[in-house]
Amino acid sequence: MKIDIGISKDDRKAITEGLSRVLADTFALYLKTHSFHWNVTGPMFNTLHVMFMTQYTELWTALDEVAERIRALGHPAPGSFTQFGGLASIQEEAGVPKAEDMIRQLVEGHEAAARTIRAVFKAAEKADDQPTADLLTQRLQIHEKTAWMLRSLLE
């Protein structure tokens, strides 16, 4: 059935292409954060273990929100490692870095996600797509706040 929500087909396509990159970055950051939760060691173990769990749980929830917005705009959401790998700006970590390096990587990941989100705003604003802009604003606030909190641990 044809979608008639006041956003053109071309604009919906542009928005969902951007949201797909947001989804991929969110998944990459989720996976990295969960891995770090499992593998963190050292004097900050308990603090980081609990903090990372809070963060990966929030990211897991965000995956569904972003994917469902893509679907509401009439496009399939990417859902494979191959698709995410081609779309994400956040590099995976195959090893187990020291706790401080984990924190640095997560700061960089949240900052990268924020940059990806900012790039999608243009398409959402052009199409007068308030629900997407609202979702992007919420995600941006979370990534910036999380990066600040993590960065504070490095001072």
N, C-alpha and C. Protein backbone atom coordinates (compact mmCIF):
# COMPACT_ATOMS: atom_id res chain seq x y z
N MET A 1 0.84 -1.18 0.00
CA MET A 1 0.00 0.00 0.00
C MET A 1 0.89 1.24 0.00
N LYS A 2 0.49 2.25 -0.74
CA LYS A 2 1.25 3.49 -0.85
C LYS A 2 1.30 4.23 0.49
N ILE A 3 2.46 4.80 0.79
CA ILE A 3 2.63 5.59 2.01
C ILE A 3 2.34 7.04 1.67
N ASP A 4 1.45 7.66 2.43
CA ASP A 4 1.06 9.06 2.20
C ASP A 4 1.05 9.81 3.53
N ILE A 5 2.25 10.09 4.07
CA ILE A 5 2.36 10.74 5.37
C ILE A 5 2.86 12.19 5.24
N GLY A 6 2.91 12.70 4.03
CA GLY A 6 3.35 14.07 3.81
C GLY A 6 4.85 14.22 3.62
N ILE A 7 5.53 13.12 3.43
CA ILE A 7 6.98 13.13 3.13
C ILE A 7 7.16 12.39 1.82
N SER A 8 7.81 13.03 0.87
CA SER A 8 7.96 12.42 -0.46
C SER A 8 8.77 11.13 -0.39
N LYS A 9 8.61 10.32 -1.43
CA LYS A 9 9.34 9.05 -1.53
C LYS A 9 10.86 9.30 -1.50
N ASP A 10 11.31 10.30 -2.24
CA ASP A 10 12.75 10.59 -2.29
C ASP A 10 13.26 11.07 -0.93
N ASP A 11 12.48 11.91 -0.25
CA ASP A 11 12.90 12.37 1.07
C ASP A 11 12.92 11.22 2.07
N ARG A 12 11.92 10.34 2.00
CA ARG A 12 11.90 9.19 2.90
C ARG A 12 13.12 8.31 2.67
N LYS A 13 13.51 8.15 1.42
CA LYS A 13 14.69 7.35 1.08
C LYS A 13 15.96 7.99 1.67
N ALA A 14 16.10 9.30 1.50
CA ALA A 14 17.28 9.99 2.02
C ALA A 14 17.35 9.89 3.55
N ILE A 15 16.21 10.06 4.19
CA ILE A 15 16.17 9.98 5.65
C ILE A 15 16.53 8.58 6.11
N THR A 16 15.96 7.56 5.47
CA THR A 16 16.23 6.19 5.92
C THR A 16 17.67 5.77 5.63
N GLU A 17 18.27 6.31 4.59
CA GLU A 17 19.69 6.03 4.37
C GLU A 17 20.53 6.57 5.53
N GLY A 18 20.19 7.77 6.00
CA GLY A 18 20.89 8.34 7.14
C GLY A 18 20.60 7.56 8.42
N LEU A 19 19.33 7.23 8.62
CA LEU A 19 18.96 6.46 9.82
C LEU A 19 19.62 5.08 9.82
N SER A 20 19.85 4.52 8.65
CA SER A 20 20.54 3.23 8.57
C SER A 20 21.97 3.35 9.07
N ARG A 21 22.62 4.49 8.79
CA ARG A 21 23.97 4.73 9.33
C ARG A 21 23.92 4.92 10.84
N VAL A 22 22.88 5.61 11.32
CA VAL A 22 22.71 5.77 12.77
C VAL A 22 22.51 4.40 13.41
N LEU A 23 21.70 3.56 12.80
CA LEU A 23 21.45 2.22 13.32
C LEU A 23 22.74 1.41 13.36
N ALA A 24 23.52 1.49 12.31
CA ALA A 24 24.79 0.74 12.25
C ALA A 24 25.77 1.22 13.31
N ASP A 25 25.87 2.54 13.49
CA ASP A 25 26.75 3.06 14.54
C ASP A 25 26.26 2.64 15.92
N THR A 26 24.96 2.65 16.11
CA THR A 26 24.39 2.24 17.39
C THR A 26 24.70 0.78 17.67
N PHE A 27 24.57 -0.07 16.65
CA PHE A 27 24.86 -1.48 16.82
C PHE A 27 26.34 -1.70 17.12
N ALA A 28 27.21 -1.02 16.39
CA ALA A 28 28.65 -1.17 16.61
C ALA A 28 29.02 -0.73 18.03
N LEU A 29 28.43 0.36 18.47
CA LEU A 29 28.71 0.86 19.82
C LEU A 29 28.11 -0.06 20.88
N TYR A 30 26.93 -0.59 20.61
CA TYR A 30 26.31 -1.56 21.52
C TYR A 30 27.24 -2.77 21.70
N LEU A 31 27.69 -3.34 20.59
CA LEU A 31 28.52 -4.54 20.64
C LEU A 31 29.83 -4.27 21.37
N LYS A 32 30.46 -3.14 21.09
CA LYS A 32 31.72 -2.79 21.74
C LYS A 32 31.50 -2.60 23.24
N THR A 33 30.45 -1.88 23.61
CA THR A 33 30.17 -1.61 25.01
C THR A 33 29.88 -2.91 25.77
N HIS A 34 29.11 -3.81 25.15
CA HIS A 34 28.79 -5.07 25.81
C HIS A 34 30.05 -5.92 25.98
N SER A 35 30.88 -5.96 24.98
CA SER A 35 32.14 -6.70 25.08
C SER A 35 33.02 -6.13 26.19
N PHE A 36 33.09 -4.81 26.27
CA PHE A 36 33.90 -4.19 27.32
C PHE A 36 33.31 -4.49 28.69
N HIS A 37 32.00 -4.54 28.81
CA HIS A 37 31.34 -4.91 30.07
C HIS A 37 31.80 -6.31 30.51
N TRP A 38 31.84 -7.23 29.58
CA TRP A 38 32.26 -8.60 29.89
C TRP A 38 33.73 -8.68 30.29
N ASN A 39 34.56 -7.87 29.65
CA ASN A 39 36.00 -8.08 29.71
C ASN A 39 36.80 -7.06 30.51
N VAL A 40 36.16 -6.05 31.07
CA VAL A 40 36.90 -5.03 31.81
C VAL A 40 37.54 -5.64 33.06
N THR A 41 38.73 -5.17 33.38
CA THR A 41 39.44 -5.59 34.60
C THR A 41 40.12 -4.37 35.19
N GLY A 42 40.64 -4.52 36.39
CA GLY A 42 41.42 -3.47 37.01
C GLY A 42 40.70 -2.81 38.17
N PRO A 43 41.32 -1.76 38.72
CA PRO A 43 40.79 -1.13 39.93
C PRO A 43 39.41 -0.50 39.75
N MET A 44 39.05 -0.16 38.53
CA MET A 44 37.74 0.45 38.27
C MET A 44 36.71 -0.58 37.80
N PHE A 45 37.02 -1.87 38.01
CA PHE A 45 36.17 -2.94 37.48
C PHE A 45 34.69 -2.73 37.80
N ASN A 46 34.35 -2.62 39.05
CA ASN A 46 32.93 -2.57 39.43
C ASN A 46 32.24 -1.35 38.83
N THR A 47 32.88 -0.20 38.92
CA THR A 47 32.30 1.03 38.37
C THR A 47 32.06 0.90 36.88
N LEU A 48 33.06 0.44 36.15
CA LEU A 48 32.94 0.33 34.70
C LEU A 48 31.99 -0.80 34.30
N HIS A 49 32.05 -1.91 34.99
CA HIS A 49 31.17 -3.04 34.68
C HIS A 49 29.70 -2.61 34.75
N VAL A 50 29.34 -1.91 35.82
CA VAL A 50 27.96 -1.43 35.99
C VAL A 50 27.64 -0.32 34.99
N MET A 51 28.56 0.61 34.80
CA MET A 51 28.34 1.71 33.86
C MET A 51 28.14 1.19 32.44
N PHE A 52 29.00 0.27 32.02
CA PHE A 52 28.89 -0.28 30.67
C PHE A 52 27.56 -1.03 30.50
N MET A 53 27.10 -1.73 31.54
CA MET A 53 25.82 -2.43 31.43
C MET A 53 24.68 -1.44 31.22
N THR A 54 24.69 -0.36 31.95
CA THR A 54 23.67 0.68 31.77
C THR A 54 23.72 1.21 30.34
N GLN A 55 24.91 1.45 29.85
CA GLN A 55 25.08 2.00 28.51
C GLN A 55 24.66 1.03 27.42
N TYR A 56 25.07 -0.24 27.51
CA TYR A 56 24.70 -1.17 26.43
C TYR A 56 23.22 -1.46 26.47
N THR A 57 22.59 -1.43 27.64
CA THR A 57 21.15 -1.64 27.73
C THR A 57 20.41 -0.50 27.03
N GLU A 58 20.86 0.72 27.23
CA GLU A 58 20.25 1.88 26.58
C GLU A 58 20.43 1.78 25.06
N LEU A 59 21.62 1.40 24.62
CA LEU A 59 21.88 1.27 23.19
C LEU A 59 21.01 0.18 22.56
N TRP A 60 20.81 -0.92 23.27
CA TRP A 60 19.97 -2.02 22.77
C TRP A 60 18.55 -1.52 22.51
N THR A 61 18.02 -0.74 23.44
CA THR A 61 16.68 -0.17 23.28
C THR A 61 16.64 0.78 22.10
N ALA A 62 17.69 1.57 21.93
CA ALA A 62 17.75 2.53 20.84
C ALA A 62 17.73 1.85 19.48
N LEU A 63 18.33 0.68 19.39
CA LEU A 63 18.34 -0.04 18.11
C LEU A 63 16.92 -0.23 17.60
N ASP A 64 16.03 -0.65 18.47
CA ASP A 64 14.65 -0.89 18.08
C ASP A 64 13.96 0.40 17.66
N GLU A 65 14.20 1.48 18.39
CA GLU A 65 13.57 2.76 18.07
C GLU A 65 13.99 3.26 16.69
N VAL A 66 15.27 3.18 16.40
CA VAL A 66 15.78 3.65 15.11
C VAL A 66 15.27 2.76 13.98
N ALA A 67 15.35 1.45 14.17
CA ALA A 67 14.89 0.52 13.14
C ALA A 67 13.39 0.69 12.86
N GLU A 68 12.62 0.89 13.90
CA GLU A 68 11.17 1.07 13.70
C GLU A 68 10.86 2.37 12.99
N ARG A 69 11.67 3.41 13.18
CA ARG A 69 11.45 4.65 12.43
C ARG A 69 11.75 4.42 10.96
N ILE A 70 12.79 3.67 10.66
CA ILE A 70 13.10 3.32 9.26
C ILE A 70 11.92 2.59 8.64
N ARG A 71 11.36 1.64 9.37
CA ARG A 71 10.21 0.88 8.86
C ARG A 71 8.99 1.77 8.68
N ALA A 72 8.76 2.69 9.61
CA ALA A 72 7.61 3.60 9.50
C ALA A 72 7.72 4.48 8.26
N LEU A 73 8.94 4.73 7.81
CA LEU A 73 9.16 5.53 6.61
C LEU A 73 9.11 4.67 5.34
N GLY A 74 8.87 3.37 5.50
CA GLY A 74 8.62 2.51 4.35
C GLY A 74 9.81 1.80 3.78
N HIS A 75 10.88 1.70 4.53
CA HIS A 75 12.07 1.02 4.03
C HIS A 75 12.49 -0.09 4.98
N PRO A 76 13.18 -1.11 4.47
CA PRO A 76 13.68 -2.16 5.36
C PRO A 76 14.86 -1.65 6.18
N ALA A 77 14.93 -2.08 7.41
CA ALA A 77 16.05 -1.72 8.28
C ALA A 77 17.18 -2.72 8.06
N PRO A 78 18.43 -2.24 7.95
CA PRO A 78 19.54 -3.18 7.85
C PRO A 78 19.60 -4.02 9.13
N GLY A 79 20.06 -5.27 8.99
CA GLY A 79 20.07 -6.12 10.16
C GLY A 79 21.13 -7.20 10.15
N SER A 80 22.13 -7.07 9.29
CA SER A 80 23.18 -8.09 9.26
C SER A 80 24.53 -7.45 9.59
N PHE A 81 25.47 -8.29 10.02
CA PHE A 81 26.82 -7.80 10.29
C PHE A 81 27.42 -7.17 9.04
N THR A 82 27.16 -7.77 7.89
CA THR A 82 27.69 -7.25 6.63
C THR A 82 27.14 -5.86 6.36
N GLN A 83 25.82 -5.70 6.50
CA GLN A 83 25.23 -4.39 6.27
C GLN A 83 25.75 -3.36 7.27
N PHE A 84 25.77 -3.73 8.54
CA PHE A 84 26.24 -2.80 9.56
C PHE A 84 27.70 -2.43 9.33
N GLY A 85 28.51 -3.41 8.95
CA GLY A 85 29.93 -3.14 8.69
C GLY A 85 30.14 -2.13 7.58
N GLY A 86 29.28 -2.19 6.57
CA GLY A 86 29.39 -1.26 5.46
C GLY A 86 28.85 0.13 5.76
N LEU A 87 28.03 0.24 6.79
CA LEU A 87 27.39 1.52 7.11
C LEU A 87 28.00 2.24 8.31
N ALA A 88 28.60 1.50 9.23
CA ALA A 88 29.06 2.08 10.50
C ALA A 88 30.33 2.90 10.33
N SER A 89 30.42 3.95 11.11
CA SER A 89 31.65 4.75 11.15
C SER A 89 32.51 4.35 12.35
N ILE A 90 31.99 3.49 13.21
CA ILE A 90 32.69 3.06 14.43
C ILE A 90 33.36 1.72 14.15
N GLN A 91 34.66 1.68 14.41
CA GLN A 91 35.42 0.45 14.17
C GLN A 91 35.25 -0.53 15.33
N GLU A 92 35.19 -1.81 15.00
CA GLU A 92 35.08 -2.82 16.05
C GLU A 92 36.43 -3.00 16.74
N GLU A 93 36.36 -3.58 17.92
CA GLU A 93 37.56 -3.91 18.69
C GLU A 93 37.61 -5.41 18.83
N ALA A 94 38.61 -6.04 18.22
CA ALA A 94 38.70 -7.50 18.26
C ALA A 94 39.44 -7.99 19.50
N GLY A 95 40.18 -7.11 20.14
CA GLY A 95 40.95 -7.50 21.30
C GLY A 95 40.29 -7.07 22.61
N VAL A 96 41.09 -7.12 23.66
CA VAL A 96 40.63 -6.70 24.99
C VAL A 96 41.60 -5.62 25.48
N PRO A 97 41.27 -4.35 25.22
CA PRO A 97 42.17 -3.29 25.66
C PRO A 97 42.10 -3.08 27.18
N LYS A 98 43.05 -2.35 27.69
CA LYS A 98 43.04 -1.96 29.10
C LYS A 98 41.82 -1.07 29.36
N ALA A 99 41.39 -1.00 30.61
CA ALA A 99 40.17 -0.26 30.97
C ALA A 99 40.19 1.18 30.46
N GLU A 100 41.32 1.87 30.62
CA GLU A 100 41.39 3.26 30.17
C GLU A 100 41.23 3.37 28.66
N ASP A 101 41.78 2.42 27.92
CA ASP A 101 41.61 2.42 26.47
C ASP A 101 40.17 2.09 26.07
N MET A 102 39.50 1.24 26.84
CA MET A 102 38.09 0.98 26.61
C MET A 102 37.30 2.28 26.73
N ILE A 103 37.58 3.03 27.77
CA ILE A 103 36.88 4.29 27.99
C ILE A 103 37.13 5.23 26.81
N ARG A 104 38.38 5.35 26.40
CA ARG A 104 38.72 6.22 25.25
C ARG A 104 37.97 5.79 24.00
N GLN A 105 37.96 4.49 23.72
CA GLN A 105 37.26 4.01 22.53
C GLN A 105 35.76 4.31 22.59
N LEU A 106 35.19 4.19 23.77
CA LEU A 106 33.76 4.47 23.90
C LEU A 106 33.47 5.96 23.76
N VAL A 107 34.34 6.81 24.28
CA VAL A 107 34.18 8.26 24.06
C VAL A 107 34.20 8.53 22.56
N GLU A 108 35.20 7.98 21.88
CA GLU A 108 35.31 8.18 20.43
C GLU A 108 34.07 7.64 19.70
N GLY A 109 33.56 6.50 20.15
CA GLY A 109 32.38 5.91 19.53
C GLY A 109 31.14 6.77 19.71
N HIS A 110 30.94 7.29 20.90
CA HIS A 110 29.77 8.15 21.14
C HIS A 110 29.90 9.46 20.36
N GLU A 111 31.10 9.98 20.26
CA GLU A 111 31.31 11.19 19.47
C GLU A 111 31.07 10.92 17.98
N ALA A 112 31.50 9.76 17.49
CA ALA A 112 31.26 9.40 16.09
C ALA A 112 29.75 9.25 15.84
N ALA A 113 29.05 8.62 16.77
CA ALA A 113 27.59 8.48 16.63
C ALA A 113 26.93 9.85 16.59
N ALA A 114 27.41 10.77 17.41
CA ALA A 114 26.85 12.13 17.41
C ALA A 114 27.06 12.80 16.05
N ARG A 115 28.23 12.63 15.46
CA ARG A 115 28.49 13.22 14.15
C ARG A 115 27.58 12.60 13.08
N THR A 116 27.39 11.30 13.15
CA THR A 116 26.49 10.62 12.20
C THR A 116 25.08 11.17 12.33
N ILE A 117 24.61 11.31 13.55
CA ILE A 117 23.26 11.82 13.80
C ILE A 117 23.12 13.24 13.25
N ARG A 118 24.10 14.09 13.51
CA ARG A 118 24.03 15.47 13.04
C ARG A 118 23.89 15.53 11.51
N ALA A 119 24.53 14.62 10.82
CA ALA A 119 24.46 14.61 9.35
C ALA A 119 23.06 14.27 8.84
N VAL A 120 22.29 13.53 9.62
CA VAL A 120 20.95 13.11 9.19
C VAL A 120 19.92 14.22 9.40
N PHE A 121 20.19 15.15 10.29
CA PHE A 121 19.24 16.23 10.57
C PHE A 121 18.85 16.99 9.31
N LYS A 122 19.80 17.22 8.41
CA LYS A 122 19.52 18.00 7.21
C LYS A 122 18.38 17.37 6.40
N ALA A 123 18.45 16.06 6.21
CA ALA A 123 17.41 15.37 5.44
C ALA A 123 16.07 15.42 6.16
N ALA A 124 16.08 15.25 7.48
CA ALA A 124 14.83 15.28 8.26
C ALA A 124 14.22 16.68 8.24
N GLU A 125 15.04 17.69 8.40
CA GLU A 125 14.54 19.06 8.39
C GLU A 125 14.01 19.45 7.02
N LYS A 126 14.70 19.06 5.96
CA LYS A 126 14.27 19.37 4.60
C LYS A 126 12.88 18.80 4.34
N ALA A 127 12.61 17.61 4.88
CA ALA A 127 11.33 16.93 4.65
C ALA A 127 10.27 17.31 5.68
N ASP A 128 10.63 18.19 6.62
CA ASP A 128 9.70 18.57 7.69
C ASP A 128 9.26 17.33 8.47
N ASP A 129 10.24 16.46 8.75
CA ASP A 129 10.00 15.18 9.43
C ASP A 129 10.30 15.33 10.92
N GLN A 130 9.32 15.83 11.66
CA GLN A 130 9.50 16.07 13.09
C GLN A 130 9.75 14.81 13.90
N PRO A 131 9.06 13.68 13.63
CA PRO A 131 9.35 12.48 14.42
C PRO A 131 10.81 12.02 14.31
N THR A 132 11.36 12.08 13.11
CA THR A 132 12.77 11.70 12.96
C THR A 132 13.67 12.71 13.65
N ALA A 133 13.37 14.00 13.49
CA ALA A 133 14.18 15.03 14.15
C ALA A 133 14.13 14.85 15.67
N ASP A 134 12.96 14.52 16.20
CA ASP A 134 12.82 14.29 17.64
C ASP A 134 13.66 13.09 18.08
N LEU A 135 13.59 12.00 17.34
CA LEU A 135 14.38 10.81 17.65
C LEU A 135 15.87 11.14 17.61
N LEU A 136 16.28 11.87 16.58
CA LEU A 136 17.69 12.23 16.44
C LEU A 136 18.15 13.12 17.59
N THR A 137 17.30 14.06 18.00
CA THR A 137 17.64 14.94 19.12
C THR A 137 17.83 14.13 20.40
N GLN A 138 16.93 13.19 20.64
CA GLN A 138 17.05 12.35 21.84
C GLN A 138 18.34 11.53 21.81
N ARG A 139 18.62 10.94 20.66
CA ARG A 139 19.84 10.12 20.54
C ARG A 139 21.08 10.99 20.72
N LEU A 140 21.07 12.17 20.12
CA LEU A 140 22.21 13.07 20.22
C LEU A 140 22.48 13.47 21.67
N GLN A 141 21.43 13.78 22.41
CA GLN A 141 21.60 14.14 23.81
C GLN A 141 22.23 12.99 24.60
N ILE A 142 21.79 11.78 24.35
CA ILE A 142 22.32 10.62 25.07
C ILE A 142 23.79 10.39 24.73
N HIS A 143 24.14 10.46 23.44
CA HIS A 143 25.53 10.22 23.04
C HIS A 143 26.46 11.30 23.59
N GLU A 144 26.04 12.54 23.54
CA GLU A 144 26.88 13.62 24.05
C GLU A 144 27.06 13.52 25.56
N LYS A 145 25.98 13.20 26.28
CA LYS A 145 26.07 13.07 27.73
C LYS A 145 26.95 11.87 28.11
N THR A 146 26.78 10.76 27.42
CA THR A 146 27.58 9.57 27.72
C THR A 146 29.05 9.83 27.43
N ALA A 147 29.35 10.51 26.32
CA ALA A 147 30.75 10.84 26.01
C ALA A 147 31.34 11.72 27.10
N TRP A 148 30.59 12.69 27.57
CA TRP A 148 31.06 13.57 28.65
C TRP A 148 31.35 12.77 29.92
N MET A 149 30.42 11.88 30.28
CA MET A 149 30.61 11.10 31.51
C MET A 149 31.84 10.18 31.41
N LEU A 150 32.00 9.55 30.27
CA LEU A 150 33.17 8.70 30.06
C LEU A 150 34.46 9.51 30.05
N ARG A 151 34.41 10.65 29.35
CA ARG A 151 35.58 11.52 29.27
C ARG A 151 36.01 11.98 30.66
N SER A 152 35.04 12.20 31.54
CA SER A 152 35.34 12.65 32.91
C SER A 152 36.15 11.62 33.67
N LEU A 153 36.00 10.34 33.32
CA LEU A 153 36.78 9.30 33.99
C LEU A 153 38.26 9.34 33.62
N LEU A 154 38.59 10.01 32.54
CA LEU A 154 39.97 10.04 32.05
C LEU A 154 40.76 11.22 32.60
N GLU A 155 40.10 12.10 33.32
CA GLU A 155 40.79 13.30 33.84
C GLU A 155 41.46 13.02 35.17
